């Protein structure tokens, strides 16, 4: 169950990052509320996952999911530019996440 909580927490991190961007500096109410609710839920699920997962594993995977997810949302949804360096960096992050998961098994 801890891995499910961690995955959900990572997805919510992507949600709050995107909604924060949409809030335009917390000037739009709905995206601001989504940001705050998603942040709280993400932290709560991360805390639940840490009941049985080590901090070093849980935190790295949580931030990695958020980082790569926000990167993909930026490119695919917001039309932000991608280049070989950014894509290579994302691939390296994902590789690190896989290695962290394998190391914790």
C-alpha atoms as a PDB file:
ATOM      1  CA  UNK A   1       0.000   0.000   0.000  1.00  0.00           C
ATOM      2  CA  UNK A   2       2.916   2.362   0.701  1.00  0.00           C
ATOM      3  CA  UNK A   3       3.967   2.384  -2.950  1.00  0.00           C
ATOM      4  CA  UNK A   4       0.398   3.215  -4.000  1.00  0.00           C
ATOM      5  CA  UNK A   5       0.338   6.117  -1.531  1.00  0.00           C
ATOM      6  CA  UNK A   6       3.677   7.320  -2.852  1.00  0.00           C
ATOM      7  CA  UNK A   7       2.550   7.161  -6.483  1.00  0.00           C
ATOM      8  CA  UNK A   8      -0.658   9.049  -5.654  1.00  0.00           C
ATOM      9  CA  UNK A   9       1.359  11.643  -3.699  1.00  0.00           C
ATOM     10  CA  UNK A  10       3.639  12.130  -6.710  1.00  0.00           C
ATOM     11  CA  UNK A  11       0.696  12.561  -9.060  1.00  0.00           C
ATOM     12  CA  UNK A  12      -0.822  15.128  -6.713  1.00  0.00           C
ATOM     13  CA  UNK A  13       2.498  16.953  -6.721  1.00  0.00           C
ATOM     14  CA  UNK A  14       2.125  17.298 -10.491  1.00  0.00           C
ATOM     15  CA  UNK A  15      -1.449  18.532 -10.023  1.00  0.00           C
ATOM     16  CA  UNK A  16      -0.466  21.212  -7.536  1.00  0.00           C
ATOM     17  CA  UNK A  17       2.465  22.391  -9.636  1.00  0.00           C
ATOM     18  CA  UNK A  18       0.233  22.742 -12.706  1.00  0.00           C
ATOM     19  CA  UNK A  19      -2.594  24.413 -10.804  1.00  0.00           C
ATOM     20  CA  UNK A  20      -0.113  26.784  -9.176  1.00  0.00           C
ATOM     21  CA  UNK A  21       0.990  27.855 -12.659  1.00  0.00           C
ATOM     22  CA  UNK A  22      -2.662  28.291 -13.645  1.00  0.00           C
ATOM     23  CA  UNK A  23      -3.363  30.395 -10.534  1.00  0.00           C
ATOM     24  CA  UNK A  24      -1.179  33.187 -11.963  1.00  0.00           C
ATOM     25  CA  UNK A  25       0.504  33.945  -8.658  1.00  0.00           C
ATOM     26  CA  UNK A  26      -2.507  32.950  -6.565  1.00  0.00           C
ATOM     27  CA  UNK A  27      -4.684  35.591  -8.236  1.00  0.00           C
ATOM     28  CA  UNK A  28      -7.268  33.091  -9.542  1.00  0.00           C
ATOM     29  CA  UNK A  29      -9.414  31.445  -6.874  1.00  0.00           C
ATOM     30  CA  UNK A  30     -10.166  28.002  -8.337  1.00  0.00           C
ATOM     31  CA  UNK A  31      -6.601  27.067  -9.296  1.00  0.00           C
ATOM     32  CA  UNK A  32      -5.390  28.458  -5.956  1.00  0.00           C
ATOM     33  CA  UNK A  33      -7.806  26.230  -4.031  1.00  0.00           C
ATOM     34  CA  UNK A  34      -6.828  23.204  -6.159  1.00  0.00           C
ATOM     35  CA  UNK A  35      -3.164  23.962  -5.446  1.00  0.00           C
ATOM     36  CA  UNK A  36      -3.653  24.080  -1.684  1.00  0.00           C
ATOM     37  CA  UNK A  37      -5.862  20.984  -1.523  1.00  0.00           C
ATOM     38  CA  UNK A  38      -3.529  18.981  -3.769  1.00  0.00           C
ATOM     39  CA  UNK A  39      -0.490  20.071  -1.712  1.00  0.00           C
ATOM     40  CA  UNK A  40      -2.082  18.983   1.551  1.00  0.00           C
ATOM     41  CA  UNK A  41      -3.225  15.665   0.076  1.00  0.00           C
ATOM     42  CA  UNK A  42       0.191  15.061  -1.490  1.00  0.00           C
ATOM     43  CA  UNK A  43       2.010  15.679   1.800  1.00  0.00           C
ATOM     44  CA  UNK A  44      -0.481  13.482   3.665  1.00  0.00           C
ATOM     45  CA  UNK A  45      -0.030  10.588   1.237  1.00  0.00           C
ATOM     46  CA  UNK A  46       3.745  11.020   1.369  1.00  0.00           C
ATOM     47  CA  UNK A  47       3.567  10.830   5.165  1.00  0.00           C
ATOM     48  CA  UNK A  48       1.472   7.656   4.945  1.00  0.00           C
ATOM     49  CA  UNK A  49       3.990   6.066   2.604  1.00  0.00           C
ATOM     50  CA  UNK A  50       6.813   6.939   4.998  1.00  0.00           C
ATOM     51  CA  UNK A  51       5.248   4.760   7.674  1.00  0.00           C
ATOM     52  CA  UNK A  52       6.879   1.808   5.949  1.00  0.00           C
ATOM     53  CA  UNK A  53       9.235   3.242   3.311  1.00  0.00           C
ATOM     54  CA  UNK A  54      12.567   4.824   4.211  1.00  0.00           C
ATOM     55  CA  UNK A  55      12.802   8.606   3.956  1.00  0.00           C
ATOM     56  CA  UNK A  56      15.604   8.388   1.401  1.00  0.00           C
ATOM     57  CA  UNK A  57      13.470   6.289  -0.933  1.00  0.00           C
ATOM     58  CA  UNK A  58      10.084   7.932  -0.430  1.00  0.00           C
ATOM     59  CA  UNK A  59      11.227  11.528  -0.709  1.00  0.00           C
ATOM     60  CA  UNK A  60      13.433  10.977  -3.761  1.00  0.00           C
ATOM     61  CA  UNK A  61      10.714   9.108  -5.633  1.00  0.00           C
ATOM     62  CA  UNK A  62       8.042  11.648  -4.652  1.00  0.00           C
ATOM     63  CA  UNK A  63      10.094  14.592  -5.894  1.00  0.00           C
ATOM     64  CA  UNK A  64      11.174  12.660  -8.993  1.00  0.00           C
ATOM     65  CA  UNK A  65       7.598  11.869  -9.985  1.00  0.00           C
ATOM     66  CA  UNK A  66       6.716  15.518  -9.476  1.00  0.00           C
ATOM     67  CA  UNK A  67       9.718  16.809 -11.399  1.00  0.00           C
ATOM     68  CA  UNK A  68       9.328  14.552 -14.415  1.00  0.00           C
ATOM     69  CA  UNK A  69       5.551  14.914 -14.378  1.00  0.00           C
ATOM     70  CA  UNK A  70       5.740  18.706 -14.255  1.00  0.00           C
ATOM     71  CA  UNK A  71       8.314  18.595 -17.052  1.00  0.00           C
ATOM     72  CA  UNK A  72       5.942  16.530 -19.216  1.00  0.00           C
ATOM     73  CA  UNK A  73       2.903  18.683 -18.408  1.00  0.00           C
ATOM     74  CA  UNK A  74       4.917  21.782 -19.265  1.00  0.00           C
ATOM     75  CA  UNK A  75       5.831  20.394 -22.666  1.00  0.00           C
ATOM     76  CA  UNK A  76       2.645  18.510 -23.569  1.00  0.00           C
ATOM     77  CA  UNK A  77      -0.009  20.784 -22.057  1.00  0.00           C
ATOM     78  CA  UNK A  78       1.568  24.222 -21.820  1.00  0.00           C
ATOM     79  CA  UNK A  79       3.631  24.025 -25.004  1.00  0.00           C
ATOM     80  CA  UNK A  80       6.928  24.778 -23.306  1.00  0.00           C
ATOM     81  CA  UNK A  81       9.997  24.128 -25.453  1.00  0.00           C
ATOM     82  CA  UNK A  82      11.928  20.884 -25.118  1.00  0.00           C
ATOM     83  CA  UNK A  83      15.458  20.233 -26.217  1.00  0.00           C
ATOM     84  CA  UNK A  84      17.911  17.350 -26.067  1.00  0.00           C
ATOM     85  CA  UNK A  85      19.405  18.506 -22.757  1.00  0.00           C
ATOM     86  CA  UNK A  86      16.027  18.719 -21.017  1.00  0.00           C
ATOM     87  CA  UNK A  87      14.939  15.340 -22.364  1.00  0.00           C
ATOM     88  CA  UNK A  88      18.252  13.760 -21.326  1.00  0.00           C
ATOM     89  CA  UNK A  89      17.869  15.227 -17.840  1.00  0.00           C
ATOM     90  CA  UNK A  90      14.345  13.783 -17.543  1.00  0.00           C
ATOM     91  CA  UNK A  91      15.560  10.367 -18.706  1.00  0.00           C
ATOM     92  CA  UNK A  92      18.324  10.475 -16.099  1.00  0.00           C
ATOM     93  CA  UNK A  93      15.806  11.358 -13.377  1.00  0.00           C
ATOM     94  CA  UNK A  94      13.575   8.437 -14.387  1.00  0.00           C
ATOM     95  CA  UNK A  95      16.628   6.143 -14.424  1.00  0.00           C
ATOM     96  CA  UNK A  96      17.453   7.283 -10.912  1.00  0.00           C
ATOM     97  CA  UNK A  97      13.897   6.606  -9.768  1.00  0.00           C
ATOM     98  CA  UNK A  98      14.013   3.075 -11.170  1.00  0.00           C
ATOM     99  CA  UNK A  99      17.361   2.476  -9.487  1.00  0.00           C
ATOM    100  CA  UNK A 100      16.011   3.816  -6.169  1.00  0.00           C
ATOM    101  CA  UNK A 101      13.013   1.491  -6.387  1.00  0.00           C
ATOM    102  CA  UNK A 102      15.246  -1.492  -7.191  1.00  0.00           C
ATOM    103  CA  UNK A 103      17.597  -0.602  -4.345  1.00  0.00           C
ATOM    104  CA  UNK A 104      14.726  -0.536  -1.868  1.00  0.00           C
ATOM    105  CA  UNK A 105      13.380  -3.970  -2.827  1.00  0.00           C
END
